[in-house]
Amino acid sequence: SYGIPAYYLNGRQFIYFAGYKKHVSLYPVPRQHEAFEQVLSE
C-alpha cells in the first residue's frame, strides 16, 4: 500500500515499514504515547 509493505487485521491497516538508502522506517508509531515517547525521541 502506498508502494510499501502494509499489514492489515480486522480489515484495517495497523503497521507499515519501508527501506531507504540510509535507514528503515516504521509507521505509524505511537510517538506521543507515554510508553514510547522517551525511547522514540532517540
PDB file of all heavy atoms in Angstrom:
ATOM      1  N   SER A   1       0.865  -1.170   0.000  1.00  0.00           N
ATOM      2  CA  SER A   1       0.000   0.000   0.000  1.00  0.00           C
ATOM      3  C   SER A   1       0.908   1.228   0.000  1.00  0.00           C
ATOM      4  O   SER A   1       1.903   1.256   0.732  1.00  0.00           O
ATOM      5  CB  SER A   1      -0.896  -0.010   1.236  1.00  0.00           C
ATOM      6  OG  SER A   1      -1.760   1.094   1.240  1.00  0.00           O
ATOM      7  N   TYR A   2       0.579   2.190  -0.810  1.00  0.00           N
ATOM      8  CA  TYR A   2       1.439   3.374  -0.974  1.00  0.00           C
ATOM      9  C   TYR A   2       2.850   2.965  -1.399  1.00  0.00           C
ATOM     10  O   TYR A   2       3.827   3.633  -1.066  1.00  0.00           O
ATOM     11  CB  TYR A   2       1.488   4.216   0.301  1.00  0.00           C
ATOM     12  CG  TYR A   2       0.151   4.729   0.750  1.00  0.00           C
ATOM     13  CD1 TYR A   2      -0.498   4.158   1.840  1.00  0.00           C
ATOM     14  CD2 TYR A   2      -0.486   5.752   0.068  1.00  0.00           C
ATOM     15  CE1 TYR A   2      -1.744   4.612   2.239  1.00  0.00           C
ATOM     16  CE2 TYR A   2      -1.730   6.212   0.461  1.00  0.00           C
ATOM     17  CZ  TYR A   2      -2.350   5.638   1.550  1.00  0.00           C
ATOM     18  OH  TYR A   2      -3.584   6.092   1.942  1.00  0.00           O
ATOM     19  N   GLY A   3       2.974   1.818  -2.065  1.00  0.00           N
ATOM     20  CA  GLY A   3       4.259   1.363  -2.577  1.00  0.00           C
ATOM     21  C   GLY A   3       5.158   0.700  -1.552  1.00  0.00           C
ATOM     22  O   GLY A   3       6.321   0.408  -1.851  1.00  0.00           O
ATOM     23  N   ILE A   4       4.656   0.473  -0.331  1.00  0.00           N
ATOM     24  CA  ILE A   4       5.472  -0.146   0.722  1.00  0.00           C
ATOM     25  C   ILE A   4       4.685  -1.275   1.399  1.00  0.00           C
ATOM     26  O   ILE A   4       3.466  -1.333   1.298  1.00  0.00           O
ATOM     27  CB  ILE A   4       5.926   0.902   1.772  1.00  0.00           C
ATOM     28  CG1 ILE A   4       4.719   1.541   2.468  1.00  0.00           C
ATOM     29  CG2 ILE A   4       6.832   1.948   1.136  1.00  0.00           C
ATOM     30  CD1 ILE A   4       5.078   2.476   3.610  1.00  0.00           C
ATOM     31  N   PRO A   5       5.376  -2.163   2.135  1.00  0.00           N
ATOM     32  CA  PRO A   5       4.674  -3.240   2.842  1.00  0.00           C
ATOM     33  C   PRO A   5       3.714  -2.697   3.888  1.00  0.00           C
ATOM     34  O   PRO A   5       4.045  -1.805   4.665  1.00  0.00           O
ATOM     35  CB  PRO A   5       5.813  -4.031   3.500  1.00  0.00           C
ATOM     36  CG  PRO A   5       6.995  -3.766   2.616  1.00  0.00           C
ATOM     37  CD  PRO A   5       6.833  -2.326   2.190  1.00  0.00           C
ATOM     38  N   ALA A   6       2.502  -3.262   3.875  1.00  0.00           N
ATOM     39  CA  ALA A   6       1.453  -2.873   4.810  1.00  0.00           C
ATOM     40  C   ALA A   6       0.811  -4.136   5.357  1.00  0.00           C
ATOM     41  O   ALA A   6       0.727  -5.151   4.661  1.00  0.00           O
ATOM     42  CB  ALA A   6       0.410  -2.021   4.101  1.00  0.00           C
ATOM     43  N   TYR A   7       0.359  -4.067   6.596  1.00  0.00           N
ATOM     44  CA  TYR A   7      -0.250  -5.225   7.248  1.00  0.00           C
ATOM     45  C   TYR A   7      -1.613  -4.837   7.787  1.00  0.00           C
ATOM     46  O   TYR A   7      -1.771  -3.770   8.385  1.00  0.00           O
ATOM     47  CB  TYR A   7       0.672  -5.742   8.357  1.00  0.00           C
ATOM     48  CG  TYR A   7       1.934  -6.301   7.763  1.00  0.00           C
ATOM     49  CD1 TYR A   7       2.987  -5.461   7.416  1.00  0.00           C
ATOM     50  CD2 TYR A   7       2.054  -7.660   7.488  1.00  0.00           C
ATOM     51  CE1 TYR A   7       4.136  -5.964   6.812  1.00  0.00           C
ATOM     52  CE2 TYR A   7       3.185  -8.159   6.896  1.00  0.00           C
ATOM     53  CZ  TYR A   7       4.224  -7.312   6.557  1.00  0.00           C
ATOM     54  OH  TYR A   7       5.344  -7.810   5.954  1.00  0.00           O
ATOM     55  N   TYR A   8      -2.586  -5.735   7.564  1.00  0.00           N
ATOM     56  CA  TYR A   8      -3.973  -5.483   7.913  1.00  0.00           C
ATOM     57  C   TYR A   8      -4.500  -6.556   8.853  1.00  0.00           C
ATOM     58  O   TYR A   8      -4.225  -7.744   8.671  1.00  0.00           O
ATOM     59  CB  TYR A   8      -4.858  -5.498   6.651  1.00  0.00           C
ATOM     60  CG  TYR A   8      -4.582  -4.357   5.708  1.00  0.00           C
ATOM     61  CD1 TYR A   8      -3.478  -4.371   4.866  1.00  0.00           C
ATOM     62  CD2 TYR A   8      -5.421  -3.267   5.664  1.00  0.00           C
ATOM     63  CE1 TYR A   8      -3.227  -3.321   4.000  1.00  0.00           C
ATOM     64  CE2 TYR A   8      -5.172  -2.200   4.801  1.00  0.00           C
ATOM     65  CZ  TYR A   8      -4.073  -2.247   3.971  1.00  0.00           C
ATOM     66  OH  TYR A   8      -3.831  -1.195   3.124  1.00  0.00           O
ATOM     67  N   LEU A   9      -5.261  -6.125   9.832  1.00  0.00           N
ATOM     68  CA  LEU A   9      -6.030  -7.000  10.706  1.00  0.00           C
ATOM     69  C   LEU A   9      -7.424  -6.402  10.801  1.00  0.00           C
ATOM     70  O   LEU A   9      -7.574  -5.178  10.832  1.00  0.00           O
ATOM     71  CB  LEU A   9      -5.431  -7.061  12.117  1.00  0.00           C
ATOM     72  CG  LEU A   9      -4.231  -7.962  12.347  1.00  0.00           C
ATOM     73  CD1 LEU A   9      -3.699  -7.769  13.759  1.00  0.00           C
ATOM     74  CD2 LEU A   9      -4.584  -9.413  12.114  1.00  0.00           C
ATOM     75  N   ASN A  10      -8.416  -7.246  10.859  1.00  0.00           N
ATOM     76  CA  ASN A  10      -9.794  -6.774  11.011  1.00  0.00           C
ATOM     77  C   ASN A  10     -10.181  -5.768   9.928  1.00  0.00           C
ATOM     78  O   ASN A  10     -10.928  -4.839  10.167  1.00  0.00           O
ATOM     79  CB  ASN A  10     -10.001  -6.162  12.400  1.00  0.00           C
ATOM     80  CG  ASN A  10      -9.621  -7.117  13.499  1.00  0.00           C
ATOM     81  OD1 ASN A  10     -10.095  -8.247  13.530  1.00  0.00           O
ATOM     82  ND2 ASN A  10      -8.741  -6.691  14.388  1.00  0.00           N
ATOM     83  N   GLY A  11      -9.604  -5.951   8.741  1.00  0.00           N
ATOM     84  CA  GLY A  11      -9.952  -5.075   7.629  1.00  0.00           C
ATOM     85  C   GLY A  11      -9.311  -3.707   7.647  1.00  0.00           C
ATOM     86  O   GLY A  11      -9.631  -2.858   6.824  1.00  0.00           O
ATOM     87  N   ARG A  12      -8.385  -3.461   8.570  1.00  0.00           N
ATOM     88  CA  ARG A  12      -7.729  -2.152   8.607  1.00  0.00           C
ATOM     89  C   ARG A  12      -6.234  -2.318   8.837  1.00  0.00           C
ATOM     90  O   ARG A  12      -5.790  -3.236   9.507  1.00  0.00           O
ATOM     91  CB  ARG A  12      -8.357  -1.255   9.668  1.00  0.00           C
ATOM     92  CG  ARG A  12      -8.269  -1.797  11.064  1.00  0.00           C
ATOM     93  CD  ARG A  12      -8.778  -0.874  12.145  1.00  0.00           C
ATOM     94  NE  ARG A  12      -9.583   0.186  11.634  1.00  0.00           N
ATOM     95  CZ  ARG A  12     -10.698   0.640  12.175  1.00  0.00           C
ATOM     96  NH1 ARG A  12     -11.122   0.118  13.289  1.00  0.00           N
ATOM     97  NH2 ARG A  12     -11.384   1.624  11.652  1.00  0.00           N
ATOM     98  N   GLN A  13      -5.487  -1.387   8.261  1.00  0.00           N
ATOM     99  CA  GLN A  13      -4.028  -1.461   8.404  1.00  0.00           C
ATOM    100  C   GLN A  13      -3.637  -1.180   9.845  1.00  0.00           C
ATOM    101  O   GLN A  13      -4.311  -0.451  10.546  1.00  0.00           O
ATOM    102  CB  GLN A  13      -3.328  -0.501   7.438  1.00  0.00           C
ATOM    103  CG  GLN A  13      -3.510   0.971   7.723  1.00  0.00           C
ATOM    104  CD  GLN A  13      -2.651   1.526   8.845  1.00  0.00           C
ATOM    105  OE1 GLN A  13      -1.635   0.956   9.222  1.00  0.00           O
ATOM    106  NE2 GLN A  13      -3.065   2.631   9.401  1.00  0.00           N
ATOM    107  N   PHE A  14      -2.507  -1.791  10.241  1.00  0.00           N
ATOM    108  CA  PHE A  14      -2.011  -1.456  11.580  1.00  0.00           C
ATOM    109  C   PHE A  14      -0.534  -1.108  11.579  1.00  0.00           C
ATOM    110  O   PHE A  14      -0.057  -0.472  12.506  1.00  0.00           O
ATOM    111  CB  PHE A  14      -2.317  -2.571  12.598  1.00  0.00           C
ATOM    112  CG  PHE A  14      -1.542  -3.842  12.402  1.00  0.00           C
ATOM    113  CD1 PHE A  14      -0.382  -4.092  13.116  1.00  0.00           C
ATOM    114  CD2 PHE A  14      -1.986  -4.806  11.504  1.00  0.00           C
ATOM    115  CE1 PHE A  14       0.322  -5.269  12.942  1.00  0.00           C
ATOM    116  CE2 PHE A  14      -1.299  -5.983  11.330  1.00  0.00           C
ATOM    117  CZ  PHE A  14      -0.135  -6.216  12.045  1.00  0.00           C
ATOM    118  N   ILE A  15       0.207  -1.482  10.534  1.00  0.00           N
ATOM    119  CA  ILE A  15       1.637  -1.149  10.516  1.00  0.00           C
ATOM    120  C   ILE A  15       2.164  -1.197   9.084  1.00  0.00           C
ATOM    121  O   ILE A  15       1.696  -1.990   8.271  1.00  0.00           O
ATOM    122  CB  ILE A  15       2.449  -2.093  11.451  1.00  0.00           C
ATOM    123  CG1 ILE A  15       3.797  -1.491  11.850  1.00  0.00           C
ATOM    124  CG2 ILE A  15       2.634  -3.461  10.841  1.00  0.00           C
ATOM    125  CD1 ILE A  15       3.733  -0.601  13.035  1.00  0.00           C
ATOM    126  N   TYR A  16       3.108  -0.308   8.786  1.00  0.00           N
ATOM    127  CA  TYR A  16       3.824  -0.278   7.514  1.00  0.00           C
ATOM    128  C   TYR A  16       5.315  -0.264   7.845  1.00  0.00           C
ATOM    129  O   TYR A  16       5.719   0.218   8.905  1.00  0.00           O
ATOM    130  CB  TYR A  16       3.567   1.026   6.750  1.00  0.00           C
ATOM    131  CG  TYR A  16       2.174   1.281   6.271  1.00  0.00           C
ATOM    132  CD1 TYR A  16       1.225   1.889   7.092  1.00  0.00           C
ATOM    133  CD2 TYR A  16       1.807   0.972   4.968  1.00  0.00           C
ATOM    134  CE1 TYR A  16      -0.050   2.175   6.634  1.00  0.00           C
ATOM    135  CE2 TYR A  16       0.529   1.257   4.498  1.00  0.00           C
ATOM    136  CZ  TYR A  16      -0.389   1.853   5.329  1.00  0.00           C
ATOM    137  OH  TYR A  16      -1.646   2.144   4.866  1.00  0.00           O
ATOM    138  N   PHE A  17       6.140  -0.714   6.892  1.00  0.00           N
ATOM    139  CA  PHE A  17       7.575  -0.470   7.008  1.00  0.00           C
ATOM    140  C   PHE A  17       8.124  -0.159   5.627  1.00  0.00           C
ATOM    141  O   PHE A  17       7.495  -0.455   4.607  1.00  0.00           O
ATOM    142  CB  PHE A  17       8.325  -1.631   7.680  1.00  0.00           C
ATOM    143  CG  PHE A  17       8.406  -2.912   6.893  1.00  0.00           C
ATOM    144  CD1 PHE A  17       9.413  -3.125   5.960  1.00  0.00           C
ATOM    145  CD2 PHE A  17       7.502  -3.931   7.113  1.00  0.00           C
ATOM    146  CE1 PHE A  17       9.494  -4.308   5.254  1.00  0.00           C
ATOM    147  CE2 PHE A  17       7.573  -5.126   6.422  1.00  0.00           C
ATOM    148  CZ  PHE A  17       8.572  -5.312   5.477  1.00  0.00           C
ATOM    149  N   ALA A  18       9.291   0.480   5.605  1.00  0.00           N
ATOM    150  CA  ALA A  18       9.887   0.866   4.328  1.00  0.00           C
ATOM    151  C   ALA A  18      11.396   0.916   4.461  1.00  0.00           C
ATOM    152  O   ALA A  18      11.930   1.184   5.540  1.00  0.00           O
ATOM    153  CB  ALA A  18       9.354   2.226   3.890  1.00  0.00           C
ATOM    154  N   GLY A  19      12.058   0.660   3.368  1.00  0.00           N
ATOM    155  CA  GLY A  19      13.517   0.739   3.319  1.00  0.00           C
ATOM    156  C   GLY A  19      13.957   1.954   2.526  1.00  0.00           C
ATOM    157  O   GLY A  19      13.296   2.356   1.562  1.00  0.00           O
ATOM    158  N   TYR A  20      15.060   2.529   2.941  1.00  0.00           N
ATOM    159  CA  TYR A  20      15.634   3.685   2.265  1.00  0.00           C
ATOM    160  C   TYR A  20      17.144   3.508   2.202  1.00  0.00           C
ATOM    161  O   TYR A  20      17.687   2.535   2.731  1.00  0.00           O
ATOM    162  CB  TYR A  20      15.271   4.984   3.001  1.00  0.00           C
ATOM    163  CG  TYR A  20      13.778   5.230   3.007  1.00  0.00           C
ATOM    164  CD1 TYR A  20      12.991   4.804   4.076  1.00  0.00           C
ATOM    165  CD2 TYR A  20      13.156   5.855   1.939  1.00  0.00           C
ATOM    166  CE1 TYR A  20      11.613   5.006   4.077  1.00  0.00           C
ATOM    167  CE2 TYR A  20      11.776   6.060   1.925  1.00  0.00           C
ATOM    168  CZ  TYR A  20      11.018   5.629   2.991  1.00  0.00           C
ATOM    169  OH  TYR A  20       9.673   5.820   2.994  1.00  0.00           O
ATOM    170  N   LYS A  21      17.818   4.463   1.608  1.00  0.00           N
ATOM    171  CA  LYS A  21      19.267   4.356   1.412  1.00  0.00           C
ATOM    172  C   LYS A  21      20.035   4.282   2.737  1.00  0.00           C
ATOM    173  O   LYS A  21      20.962   3.506   2.876  1.00  0.00           O
ATOM    174  CB  LYS A  21      19.760   5.540   0.587  1.00  0.00           C
ATOM    175  CG  LYS A  21      21.198   5.428   0.168  1.00  0.00           C
ATOM    176  CD  LYS A  21      21.580   6.566  -0.760  1.00  0.00           C
ATOM    177  CE  LYS A  21      23.008   6.407  -1.230  1.00  0.00           C
ATOM    178  NZ  LYS A  21      23.385   7.447  -2.187  1.00  0.00           N
ATOM    179  N   LYS A  22      19.610   5.089   3.723  1.00  0.00           N
ATOM    180  CA  LYS A  22      20.364   5.160   4.971  1.00  0.00           C
ATOM    181  C   LYS A  22      19.584   4.748   6.211  1.00  0.00           C
ATOM    182  O   LYS A  22      20.109   4.789   7.314  1.00  0.00           O
ATOM    183  CB  LYS A  22      20.894   6.583   5.175  1.00  0.00           C
ATOM    184  CG  LYS A  22      21.899   6.986   4.113  1.00  0.00           C
ATOM    185  CD  LYS A  22      22.477   8.345   4.394  1.00  0.00           C
ATOM    186  CE  LYS A  22      23.492   8.697   3.315  1.00  0.00           C
ATOM    187  NZ  LYS A  22      24.156   9.954   3.568  1.00  0.00           N
ATOM    188  N   HIS A  23      18.304   4.382   6.030  1.00  0.00           N
ATOM    189  CA  HIS A  23      17.500   3.990   7.191  1.00  0.00           C
ATOM    190  C   HIS A  23      16.342   3.103   6.745  1.00  0.00           C
ATOM    191  O   HIS A  23      16.075   2.974   5.554  1.00  0.00           O
ATOM    192  CB  HIS A  23      16.974   5.223   7.932  1.00  0.00           C
ATOM    193  CG  HIS A  23      15.949   6.001   7.184  1.00  0.00           C
ATOM    194  ND1 HIS A  23      16.266   6.953   6.238  1.00  0.00           N
ATOM    195  CD2 HIS A  23      14.589   5.959   7.219  1.00  0.00           C
ATOM    196  CE1 HIS A  23      15.164   7.471   5.730  1.00  0.00           C
ATOM    197  NE2 HIS A  23      14.126   6.885   6.306  1.00  0.00           N
ATOM    198  N   VAL A  24      15.676   2.523   7.731  1.00  0.00           N
ATOM    199  CA  VAL A  24      14.386   1.866   7.508  1.00  0.00           C
ATOM    200  C   VAL A  24      13.380   2.599   8.386  1.00  0.00           C
ATOM    201  O   VAL A  24      13.740   3.146   9.438  1.00  0.00           O
ATOM    202  CB  VAL A  24      14.413   0.351   7.838  1.00  0.00           C
ATOM    203  CG1 VAL A  24      15.317  -0.394   6.858  1.00  0.00           C
ATOM    204  CG2 VAL A  24      14.831   0.085   9.267  1.00  0.00           C
ATOM    205  N   SER A  25      12.148   2.627   7.934  1.00  0.00           N
ATOM    206  CA  SER A  25      11.108   3.339   8.676  1.00  0.00           C
ATOM    207  C   SER A  25       9.983   2.396   9.058  1.00  0.00           C
ATOM    208  O   SER A  25       9.712   1.426   8.360  1.00  0.00           O
ATOM    209  CB  SER A  25      10.533   4.486   7.844  1.00  0.00           C
ATOM    210  OG  SER A  25      11.457   5.520   7.715  1.00  0.00           O
ATOM    211  N   LEU A  26       9.345   2.735  10.146  1.00  0.00           N
ATOM    212  CA  LEU A  26       8.184   2.008  10.638  1.00  0.00           C
ATOM    213  C   LEU A  26       7.109   3.046  10.914  1.00  0.00           C
ATOM    214  O   LEU A  26       7.400   4.095  11.486  1.00  0.00           O
ATOM    215  CB  LEU A  26       8.550   1.277  11.925  1.00  0.00           C
ATOM    216  CG  LEU A  26       7.548   0.295  12.507  1.00  0.00           C
ATOM    217  CD1 LEU A  26       7.435  -0.938  11.613  1.00  0.00           C
ATOM    218  CD2 LEU A  26       7.993  -0.125  13.900  1.00  0.00           C
ATOM    219  N   TYR A  27       5.870   2.758  10.493  1.00  0.00           N
ATOM    220  CA  TYR A  27       4.795   3.685  10.759  1.00  0.00           C
ATOM    221  C   TYR A  27       3.445   2.997  10.669  1.00  0.00           C
ATOM    222  O   TYR A  27       3.356   1.974  10.005  1.00  0.00           O
ATOM    223  CB  TYR A  27       4.781   4.900   9.868  1.00  0.00           C
ATOM    224  CG  TYR A  27       5.507   4.895   8.555  1.00  0.00           C
ATOM    225  CD1 TYR A  27       5.282   5.903   7.645  1.00  0.00           C
ATOM    226  CD2 TYR A  27       6.424   3.928   8.197  1.00  0.00           C
ATOM    227  CE1 TYR A  27       5.943   5.950   6.438  1.00  0.00           C
ATOM    228  CE2 TYR A  27       7.094   3.966   6.999  1.00  0.00           C
ATOM    229  CZ  TYR A  27       6.847   4.974   6.119  1.00  0.00           C
ATOM    230  OH  TYR A  27       7.494   5.025   4.917  1.00  0.00           O
ATOM    231  N   PRO A  28       2.456   3.542  11.330  1.00  0.00           N
ATOM    232  CA  PRO A  28       2.545   4.639  12.295  1.00  0.00           C
ATOM    233  C   PRO A  28       3.086   4.143  13.633  1.00  0.00           C
ATOM    234  O   PRO A  28       2.849   3.000  14.003  1.00  0.00           O
ATOM    235  CB  PRO A  28       1.104   5.104  12.441  1.00  0.00           C
ATOM    236  CG  PRO A  28       0.273   3.921  12.092  1.00  0.00           C
ATOM    237  CD  PRO A  28       1.075   3.110  11.114  1.00  0.00           C
ATOM    238  N   VAL A  29       3.811   4.999  14.280  1.00  0.00           N
ATOM    239  CA  VAL A  29       4.346   4.677  15.604  1.00  0.00           C
ATOM    240  C   VAL A  29       3.743   5.639  16.637  1.00  0.00           C
ATOM    241  O   VAL A  29       3.446   6.784  16.310  1.00  0.00           O
ATOM    242  CB  VAL A  29       5.890   4.737  15.653  1.00  0.00           C
ATOM    243  CG1 VAL A  29       6.502   3.691  14.741  1.00  0.00           C
ATOM    244  CG2 VAL A  29       6.414   6.108  15.300  1.00  0.00           C
ATOM    245  N   PRO A  30       3.578   5.167  17.864  1.00  0.00           N
ATOM    246  CA  PRO A  30       2.922   5.982  18.902  1.00  0.00           C
ATOM    247  C   PRO A  30       3.884   6.937  19.605  1.00  0.00           C
ATOM    248  O   PRO A  30       4.167   6.802  20.789  1.00  0.00           O
ATOM    249  CB  PRO A  30       2.384   4.921  19.858  1.00  0.00           C
ATOM    250  CG  PRO A  30       3.360   3.792  19.737  1.00  0.00           C
ATOM    251  CD  PRO A  30       3.809   3.792  18.306  1.00  0.00           C
ATOM    252  N   ARG A  31       4.408   7.923  18.872  1.00  0.00           N
ATOM    253  CA  ARG A  31       5.391   8.857  19.446  1.00  0.00           C
ATOM    254  C   ARG A  31       4.852   9.600  20.660  1.00  0.00           C
ATOM    255  O   ARG A  31       5.595   9.908  21.572  1.00  0.00           O
ATOM    256  CB  ARG A  31       5.840   9.876  18.396  1.00  0.00           C
ATOM    257  CG  ARG A  31       6.871   9.328  17.452  1.00  0.00           C
ATOM    258  CD  ARG A  31       7.552  10.460  16.697  1.00  0.00           C
ATOM    259  NE  ARG A  31       8.623   9.946  15.871  1.00  0.00           N
ATOM    260  CZ  ARG A  31       9.866   9.772  16.304  1.00  0.00           C
ATOM    261  NH1 ARG A  31      10.191  10.067  17.527  1.00  0.00           N
ATOM    262  NH2 ARG A  31      10.795   9.303  15.497  1.00  0.00           N
ATOM    263  N   GLN A  32       3.567   9.920  20.672  1.00  0.00           N
ATOM    264  CA  GLN A  32       3.005  10.706  21.770  1.00  0.00           C
ATOM    265  C   GLN A  32       2.573   9.851  22.958  1.00  0.00           C
ATOM    266  O   GLN A  32       2.230  10.376  24.009  1.00  0.00           O
ATOM    267  CB  GLN A  32       1.809  11.531  21.281  1.00  0.00           C
ATOM    268  CG  GLN A  32       2.190  12.836  20.598  1.00  0.00           C
ATOM    269  CD  GLN A  32       2.889  12.640  19.266  1.00  0.00           C
ATOM    270  OE1 GLN A  32       2.485  11.801  18.480  1.00  0.00           O
ATOM    271  NE2 GLN A  32       3.939  13.385  19.015  1.00  0.00           N
ATOM    272  N   HIS A  33       2.586   8.545  22.811  1.00  0.00           N
ATOM    273  CA  HIS A  33       2.176   7.676  23.918  1.00  0.00           C
ATOM    274  C   HIS A  33       3.297   7.642  24.955  1.00  0.00           C
ATOM    275  O   HIS A  33       4.469   7.489  24.621  1.00  0.00           O
ATOM    276  CB  HIS A  33       1.882   6.267  23.405  1.00  0.00           C
ATOM    277  CG  HIS A  33       1.196   5.405  24.405  1.00  0.00           C
ATOM    278  ND1 HIS A  33       1.870   4.740  25.388  1.00  0.00           N
ATOM    279  CD2 HIS A  33      -0.121   5.121  24.579  1.00  0.00           C
ATOM    280  CE1 HIS A  33       1.013   4.065  26.121  1.00  0.00           C
ATOM    281  NE2 HIS A  33      -0.204   4.278  25.650  1.00  0.00           N
ATOM    282  N   GLU A  34       2.925   7.768  26.217  1.00  0.00           N
ATOM    283  CA  GLU A  34       3.940   7.872  27.282  1.00  0.00           C
ATOM    284  C   GLU A  34       4.878   6.673  27.337  1.00  0.00           C
ATOM    285  O   GLU A  34       6.040   6.812  27.700  1.00  0.00           O
ATOM    286  CB  GLU A  34       3.271   8.092  28.634  1.00  0.00           C
ATOM    287  CG  GLU A  34       2.380   6.949  29.089  1.00  0.00           C
ATOM    288  CD  GLU A  34       1.647   7.249  30.375  1.00  0.00           C
ATOM    289  OE1 GLU A  34       1.031   8.325  30.473  1.00  0.00           O
ATOM    290  OE2 GLU A  34       1.692   6.399  31.274  1.00  0.00           O
ATOM    291  N   ALA A  35       4.410   5.503  26.950  1.00  0.00           N
ATOM    292  CA  ALA A  35       5.266   4.315  26.990  1.00  0.00           C
ATOM    293  C   ALA A  35       6.367   4.365  25.933  1.00  0.00           C
ATOM    294  O   ALA A  35       7.380   3.683  26.065  1.00  0.00           O
ATOM    295  CB  ALA A  35       4.424   3.055  26.798  1.00  0.00           C
ATOM    296  N   PHE A  36       6.200   5.182  24.900  1.00  0.00           N
ATOM    297  CA  PHE A  36       7.162   5.214  23.790  1.00  0.00           C
ATOM    298  C   PHE A  36       7.824   6.574  23.587  1.00  0.00           C
ATOM    299  O   PHE A  36       8.803   6.679  22.860  1.00  0.00           O
ATOM    300  CB  PHE A  36       6.468   4.812  22.479  1.00  0.00           C
ATOM    301  CG  PHE A  36       5.986   3.399  22.471  1.00  0.00           C
ATOM    302  CD1 PHE A  36       4.661   3.110  22.761  1.00  0.00           C
ATOM    303  CD2 PHE A  36       6.842   2.354  22.195  1.00  0.00           C
ATOM    304  CE1 PHE A  36       4.203   1.804  22.756  1.00  0.00           C
ATOM    305  CE2 PHE A  36       6.399   1.044  22.190  1.00  0.00           C
ATOM    306  CZ  PHE A  36       5.078   0.766  22.471  1.00  0.00           C
ATOM    307  N   GLU A  37       7.292   7.594  24.210  1.00  0.00           N
ATOM    308  CA  GLU A  37       7.750   8.963  23.961  1.00  0.00           C
ATOM    309  C   GLU A  37       9.265   9.117  24.159  1.00  0.00           C
ATOM    310  O   GLU A  37       9.964   9.642  23.284  1.00  0.00           O
ATOM    311  CB  GLU A  37       6.992   9.928  24.876  1.00  0.00           C
ATOM    312  CG  GLU A  37       7.131  11.361  24.481  1.00  0.00           C
ATOM    313  CD  GLU A  37       6.193  12.254  25.271  1.00  0.00           C
ATOM    314  OE1 GLU A  37       5.689  11.835  26.341  1.00  0.00           O
ATOM    315  OE2 GLU A  37       5.980  13.383  24.808  1.00  0.00           O
ATOM    316  N   GLN A  38       9.789   8.635  25.260  1.00  0.00           N
ATOM    317  CA  GLN A  38      11.211   8.797  25.571  1.00  0.00           C
ATOM    318  C   GLN A  38      12.094   8.000  24.610  1.00  0.00           C
ATOM    319  O   GLN A  38      13.026   8.543  24.022  1.00  0.00           O
ATOM    320  CB  GLN A  38      11.482   8.357  27.017  1.00  0.00           C
ATOM    321  CG  GLN A  38      12.939   8.480  27.432  1.00  0.00           C
ATOM    322  CD  GLN A  38      13.409   9.932  27.484  1.00  0.00           C
ATOM    323  OE1 GLN A  38      12.649  10.829  27.811  1.00  0.00           O
ATOM    324  NE2 GLN A  38      14.658  10.160  27.149  1.00  0.00           N
ATOM    325  N   VAL A  39      11.787   6.729  24.434  1.00  0.00           N
ATOM    326  CA  VAL A  39      12.649   5.880  23.608  1.00  0.00           C
ATOM    327  C   VAL A  39      12.592   6.271  22.136  1.00  0.00           C
ATOM    328  O   VAL A  39      13.609   6.226  21.439  1.00  0.00           O
ATOM    329  CB  VAL A  39      12.335   4.375  23.819  1.00  0.00           C
ATOM    330  CG1 VAL A  39      10.976   4.007  23.282  1.00  0.00           C
ATOM    331  CG2 VAL A  39      13.418   3.503  23.245  1.00  0.00           C
ATOM    332  N   LEU A  40      11.425   6.709  21.648  1.00  0.00           N
ATOM    333  CA  LEU A  40      11.329   7.110  20.244  1.00  0.00           C
ATOM    334  C   LEU A  40      11.955   8.474  19.985  1.00  0.00           C
ATOM    335  O   LEU A  40      12.272   8.801  18.839  1.00  0.00           O
ATOM    336  CB  LEU A  40       9.872   7.085  19.778  1.00  0.00           C
ATOM    337  CG  LEU A  40       9.297   5.690  19.547  1.00  0.00           C
ATOM    338  CD1 LEU A  40       7.804   5.767  19.233  1.00  0.00           C
ATOM    339  CD2 LEU A  40      10.034   4.954  18.439  1.00  0.00           C
ATOM    340  N   SER A  41      12.173   9.248  21.030  1.00  0.00           N
ATOM    341  CA  SER A  41      12.815  10.550  20.840  1.00  0.00           C
ATOM    342  C   SER A  41      14.269  10.394  20.366  1.00  0.00           C
ATOM    343  O   SER A  41      14.853  11.334  19.839  1.00  0.00           O
ATOM    344  CB  SER A  41      12.767  11.373  22.130  1.00  0.00           C
ATOM    345  OG  SER A  41      13.597  10.802  23.123  1.00  0.00           O
ATOM    346  N   GLU A  42      14.815   9.197  20.518  1.00  0.00           N
ATOM    347  CA  GLU A  42      16.194   8.924  20.070  1.00  0.00           C
ATOM    348  C   GLU A  42      16.278   8.722  18.559  1.00  0.00           C
ATOM    349  O   GLU A  42      17.378   8.654  18.015  1.00  0.00           O
ATOM    350  CB  GLU A  42      16.728   7.676  20.773  1.00  0.00           C
ATOM    351  CG  GLU A  42      16.779   7.783  22.277  1.00  0.00           C
ATOM    352  CD  GLU A  42      17.140   6.474  22.948  1.00  0.00           C
ATOM    353  OE1 GLU A  42      17.779   5.608  22.302  1.00  0.00           O
ATOM    354  OE2 GLU A  42      16.778   6.309  24.126  1.00  0.00           O
TER     355      GLU A  42
END
